[in-house]
C-alpha atoms as a PDB file:
ATOM      1  CA  MET A   1      -1.828  -7.321  13.497  1.00  0.00           C
ATOM      2  CA  GLU A   2       1.340  -8.497  15.193  1.00  0.00           C
ATOM      3  CA  ALA A   3       5.101  -8.218  14.656  1.00  0.00           C
ATOM      4  CA  TRP A   4       7.171 -11.232  15.746  1.00  0.00           C
ATOM      5  CA  GLU A   5      10.791 -11.388  16.821  1.00  0.00           C
ATOM      6  CA  GLU A   6      12.124 -14.894  17.510  1.00  0.00           C
ATOM      7  CA  ALA A   7       8.683 -16.339  18.302  1.00  0.00           C
ATOM      8  CA  SER A   8       7.778 -13.644  20.820  1.00  0.00           C
ATOM      9  CA  CYS A   9       5.366 -10.838  20.017  1.00  0.00           C
ATOM     10  CA  ARG A  10       7.183  -7.541  19.801  1.00  0.00           C
ATOM     11  CA  ALA A  11       4.199  -5.255  19.206  1.00  0.00           C
ATOM     12  CA  ILE A  12       0.510  -5.286  18.363  1.00  0.00           C
ATOM     13  CA  PHE A  13      -0.914  -2.640  16.028  1.00  0.00           C
ATOM     14  CA  GLY A  14      -4.660  -2.693  16.600  1.00  0.00           C
ATOM     15  CA  GLY A  15      -7.600  -0.419  16.037  1.00  0.00           C
ATOM     16  CA  HIS A  16      -8.744  -1.630  12.633  1.00  0.00           C
ATOM     17  CA  HIS A  17     -12.497  -1.677  12.018  1.00  0.00           C
ATOM     18  CA  SER A  18     -12.461  -4.650   9.639  1.00  0.00           C
ATOM     19  CA  PRO A  19     -10.204  -7.635   8.934  1.00  0.00           C
ATOM     20  CA  VAL A  20      -6.689  -6.921   7.666  1.00  0.00           C
ATOM     21  CA  ARG A  21      -6.176  -8.358   4.159  1.00  0.00           C
ATOM     22  CA  SER A  22      -2.658  -7.171   3.271  1.00  0.00           C
ATOM     23  CA  LEU A  23       0.496  -5.851   4.955  1.00  0.00           C
ATOM     24  CA  ALA A  24       3.730  -4.088   4.005  1.00  0.00           C
ATOM     25  CA  LEU A  25       6.712  -2.415   5.649  1.00  0.00           C
ATOM     26  CA  ASN A  26       8.772   0.341   4.057  1.00  0.00           C
ATOM     27  CA  PRO A  27      12.454  -0.439   3.289  1.00  0.00           C
ATOM     28  CA  ALA A  28      13.589   1.218   6.557  1.00  0.00           C
ATOM     29  CA  ASN A  29      11.029  -0.765   8.630  1.00  0.00           C
ATOM     30  CA  THR A  30       9.678   2.474  10.097  1.00  0.00           C
ATOM     31  CA  LEU A  31       6.237   2.499   8.427  1.00  0.00           C
ATOM     32  CA  LEU A  32       3.689  -0.307   8.503  1.00  0.00           C
ATOM     33  CA  VAL A  33       0.744  -0.312   6.120  1.00  0.00           C
ATOM     34  CA  ALA A  34      -2.350  -2.475   6.503  1.00  0.00           C
ATOM     35  CA  GLY A  35      -4.989  -2.916   3.802  1.00  0.00           C
ATOM     36  CA  CYS A  36      -8.416  -3.766   5.212  1.00  0.00           C
ATOM     37  CA  ALA A  37     -11.610  -5.413   4.014  1.00  0.00           C
ATOM     38  CA  ASP A  38     -13.557  -2.138   4.361  1.00  0.00           C
ATOM     39  CA  GLY A  39     -11.374  -0.316   1.794  1.00  0.00           C
ATOM     40  CA  VAL A  40      -9.289   1.489   4.416  1.00  0.00           C
ATOM     41  CA  VAL A  41      -5.498   1.645   4.422  1.00  0.00           C
ATOM     42  CA  GLY A  42      -3.971   2.167   7.866  1.00  0.00           C
ATOM     43  CA  VAL A  43      -0.481   3.654   8.160  1.00  0.00           C
ATOM     44  CA  TRP A  44       1.519   3.139  11.372  1.00  0.00           C
ATOM     45  CA  ASP A  45       4.720   4.634  12.776  1.00  0.00           C
ATOM     46  CA  VAL A  46       6.535   1.442  13.835  1.00  0.00           C
ATOM     47  CA  PRO A  47       9.193   2.881  16.219  1.00  0.00           C
ATOM     48  CA  ARG A  48       6.582   4.972  18.067  1.00  0.00           C
ATOM     49  CA  ARG A  49       3.875   2.297  17.739  1.00  0.00           C
ATOM     50  CA  ARG A  50       1.216   4.834  16.864  1.00  0.00           C
ATOM     51  CA  PRO A  51      -1.180   5.304  13.957  1.00  0.00           C
ATOM     52  CA  LEU A  52      -0.346   8.026  11.440  1.00  0.00           C
ATOM     53  CA  SER A  53      -3.309   7.842   9.104  1.00  0.00           C
ATOM     54  CA  ARG A  54      -6.456   5.991   8.085  1.00  0.00           C
ATOM     55  CA  LEU A  55      -7.088   6.449   4.378  1.00  0.00           C
ATOM     56  CA  ARG A  56     -10.495   5.751   2.859  1.00  0.00           C
ATOM     57  CA  ALA A  57      -8.537   4.370  -0.090  1.00  0.00           C
ATOM     58  CA  HIS A  58     -10.899   2.119  -2.059  1.00  0.00           C
ATOM     59  CA  ALA A  59     -14.545   1.206  -2.582  1.00  0.00           C
ATOM     60  CA  GLY A  60     -13.691  -2.493  -2.121  1.00  0.00           C
ATOM     61  CA  ALA A  61     -11.411  -4.582   0.076  1.00  0.00           C
ATOM     62  CA  VAL A  62      -7.715  -3.645  -0.067  1.00  0.00           C
ATOM     63  CA  THR A  63      -6.167  -6.935  -1.125  1.00  0.00           C
ATOM     64  CA  ALA A  64      -2.575  -5.822  -1.751  1.00  0.00           C
ATOM     65  CA  VAL A  65      -0.239  -3.095  -0.476  1.00  0.00           C
ATOM     66  CA  VAL A  66       3.407  -2.395  -1.217  1.00  0.00           C
ATOM     67  CA  LEU A  67       5.737   0.435  -0.215  1.00  0.00           C
ATOM     68  CA  SER A  68       8.576   2.071  -2.067  1.00  0.00           C
ATOM     69  CA  ASP A  69      10.692   4.828  -0.567  1.00  0.00           C
ATOM     70  CA  GLN A  70       7.994   7.517  -0.587  1.00  0.00           C
ATOM     71  CA  LEU A  71       5.223   5.844  -2.527  1.00  0.00           C
ATOM     72  CA  LEU A  72       2.436   3.597  -1.303  1.00  0.00           C
ATOM     73  CA  PHE A  73       0.623   1.346  -3.781  1.00  0.00           C
ATOM     74  CA  SER A  74      -2.728  -0.192  -2.810  1.00  0.00           C
ATOM     75  CA  GLY A  75      -4.660  -2.735  -4.872  1.00  0.00           C
ATOM     76  CA  SER A  76      -8.305  -3.564  -4.391  1.00  0.00           C
ATOM     77  CA  ALA A  77     -11.321  -5.643  -5.231  1.00  0.00           C
ATOM     78  CA  ASP A  78     -12.669  -2.382  -6.749  1.00  0.00           C
ATOM     79  CA  LEU A  79     -10.497  -3.083  -9.851  1.00  0.00           C
ATOM     80  CA  THR A  80      -7.933  -0.343  -9.201  1.00  0.00           C
ATOM     81  CA  VAL A  81      -4.394   0.236  -8.001  1.00  0.00           C
ATOM     82  CA  ARG A  82      -4.036   3.561  -6.212  1.00  0.00           C
ATOM     83  CA  VAL A  83      -0.729   5.359  -5.781  1.00  0.00           C
ATOM     84  CA  TRP A  84      -0.072   7.646  -2.819  1.00  0.00           C
ATOM     85  CA  THR A  85       2.827   9.925  -1.937  1.00  0.00           C
ATOM     86  CA  LEU A  86       3.860   9.092   1.585  1.00  0.00           C
ATOM     87  CA  ASP A  87       5.860  10.656   4.361  1.00  0.00           C
ATOM     88  CA  HIS A  88       5.284  10.927   8.090  1.00  0.00           C
ATOM     89  CA  LEU A  89       3.379  14.195   7.877  1.00  0.00           C
ATOM     90  CA  HIS A  90       1.430  14.043   4.632  1.00  0.00           C
ATOM     91  CA  ILE A  91      -0.248  11.374   2.491  1.00  0.00           C
ATOM     92  CA  GLN A  92      -1.687  12.400  -0.867  1.00  0.00           C
ATOM     93  CA  HIS A  93      -3.402  10.479  -3.679  1.00  0.00           C
ATOM     94  CA  LEU A  94      -1.171  10.638  -6.759  1.00  0.00           C
ATOM     95  CA  ALA A  95      -2.709   8.359  -9.387  1.00  0.00           C
ATOM     96  CA  THR A  96      -5.189   5.572 -10.070  1.00  0.00           C
ATOM     97  CA  LEU A  97      -4.074   2.704 -12.304  1.00  0.00           C
ATOM     98  CA  SER A  98      -6.474   0.312 -14.004  1.00  0.00           C
ATOM     99  CA  SER A  99      -6.331  -3.394 -13.256  1.00  0.00           C
ATOM    100  CA  HIS A 100      -7.966  -4.087 -16.629  1.00  0.00           C
ATOM    101  CA  GLY A 101     -11.364  -5.205 -15.336  1.00  0.00           C
ATOM    102  CA  SER A 102     -10.572  -7.667 -12.567  1.00  0.00           C
ATOM    103  CA  PRO A 103      -9.997  -7.400  -8.802  1.00  0.00           C
ATOM    104  CA  VAL A 104      -6.353  -6.849  -7.870  1.00  0.00           C
ATOM    105  CA  HIS A 105      -4.963  -9.967  -6.225  1.00  0.00           C
ATOM    106  CA  ALA A 106      -1.262  -9.161  -5.687  1.00  0.00           C
ATOM    107  CA  LEU A 107       1.259  -6.326  -6.005  1.00  0.00           C
ATOM    108  CA  GLY A 108       5.040  -6.371  -5.907  1.00  0.00           C
ATOM    109  CA  LEU A 109       8.032  -4.200  -6.654  1.00  0.00           C
ATOM    110  CA  SER A 110      11.170  -5.108  -8.565  1.00  0.00           C
ATOM    111  CA  ARG A 111      14.366  -5.304  -6.533  1.00  0.00           C
ATOM    112  CA  ASP A 112      15.460  -1.866  -7.765  1.00  0.00           C
ATOM    113  CA  ARG A 113      11.947  -0.538  -6.987  1.00  0.00           C
ATOM    114  CA  MET A 114      11.573   0.782 -10.541  1.00  0.00           C
ATOM    115  CA  LEU A 115       8.790  -1.571 -11.689  1.00  0.00           C
ATOM    116  CA  LEU A 116       5.433  -2.194 -10.025  1.00  0.00           C
ATOM    117  CA  MET A 117       3.954  -5.618 -10.765  1.00  0.00           C
ATOM    118  CA  GLY A 118       0.287  -6.439 -10.458  1.00  0.00           C
ATOM    119  CA  ALA A 119      -1.807  -9.574 -10.824  1.00  0.00           C
ATOM    120  CA  THR A 120      -5.569  -9.855 -10.822  1.00  0.00           C
ATOM    121  CA  ALA A 121      -7.862 -12.511  -9.436  1.00  0.00           C
ATOM    122  CA  THR A 122      -8.972 -13.813 -12.833  1.00  0.00           C
ATOM    123  CA  SER A 123      -6.162 -13.029 -15.290  1.00  0.00           C
ATOM    124  CA  THR A 124      -3.229 -15.252 -16.168  1.00  0.00           C
ATOM    125  CA  ALA A 125      -1.129 -12.171 -17.022  1.00  0.00           C
ATOM    126  CA  VAL A 126       0.983  -9.832 -14.900  1.00  0.00           C
ATOM    127  CA  ALA A 127       0.871  -6.066 -15.493  1.00  0.00           C
ATOM    128  CA  LEU A 128       4.021  -3.938 -15.163  1.00  0.00           C
ATOM    129  CA  TRP A 129       4.083  -0.203 -14.503  1.00  0.00           C
ATOM    130  CA  ASP A 130       7.148   2.060 -14.608  1.00  0.00           C
ATOM    131  CA  VAL A 131       7.411   3.640 -11.137  1.00  0.00           C
ATOM    132  CA  ALA A 132       9.351   6.641 -12.510  1.00  0.00           C
ATOM    133  CA  GLN A 133       6.463   7.479 -14.857  1.00  0.00           C
ATOM    134  CA  VAL A 134       3.967   7.222 -12.009  1.00  0.00           C
ATOM    135  CA  ARG A 135       6.204   9.324  -9.728  1.00  0.00           C
ATOM    136  CA  ALA A 136       6.442  11.997 -12.449  1.00  0.00           C
ATOM    137  CA  ARG A 137       2.735  12.666 -11.928  1.00  0.00           C
ATOM    138  CA  ALA A 138       3.506  14.037  -8.461  1.00  0.00           C
ATOM    139  CA  PRO A 139       2.601  17.695  -7.991  1.00  0.00           C
ATOM    140  CA  THR A 140       5.534  20.106  -7.972  1.00  0.00           C
ATOM    141  CA  PRO A 141       6.024  21.652  -4.514  1.00  0.00           C
ATOM    142  CA  ILE A 142       5.280  25.372  -4.371  1.00  0.00           C
ATOM    143  CA  SER A 143       8.173  27.332  -2.841  1.00  0.00           C
END
């Protein structure tokens, strides 16, 4: 996987064990996420150019990834969208959303990052999920 700046390669983030199928950067361009054919999601610290995590995220290829401020959404050929809480030190599975019986083909976020959009490989419809409702499932920190 490569990052380009004016036609010259700025960095290479390697070390994946299967082909990369999807990519996303967080809004601050500090985290890079790669969805791979083996069901793994790799998370990279962009400024430090080092891996942060390899998640065994799905049973099928990860065909779509998108990042919100502290949420990672991954879509897969295994018919699911998984939601993860994300920061530099801890990544935790939050929820699994159904793709209604078809492999996930694409994911996107609304401009205000309040709606998650999903499309499947065989459907002519687009599913919408309320990000605030999904975020509300997050466990309450113990103080």
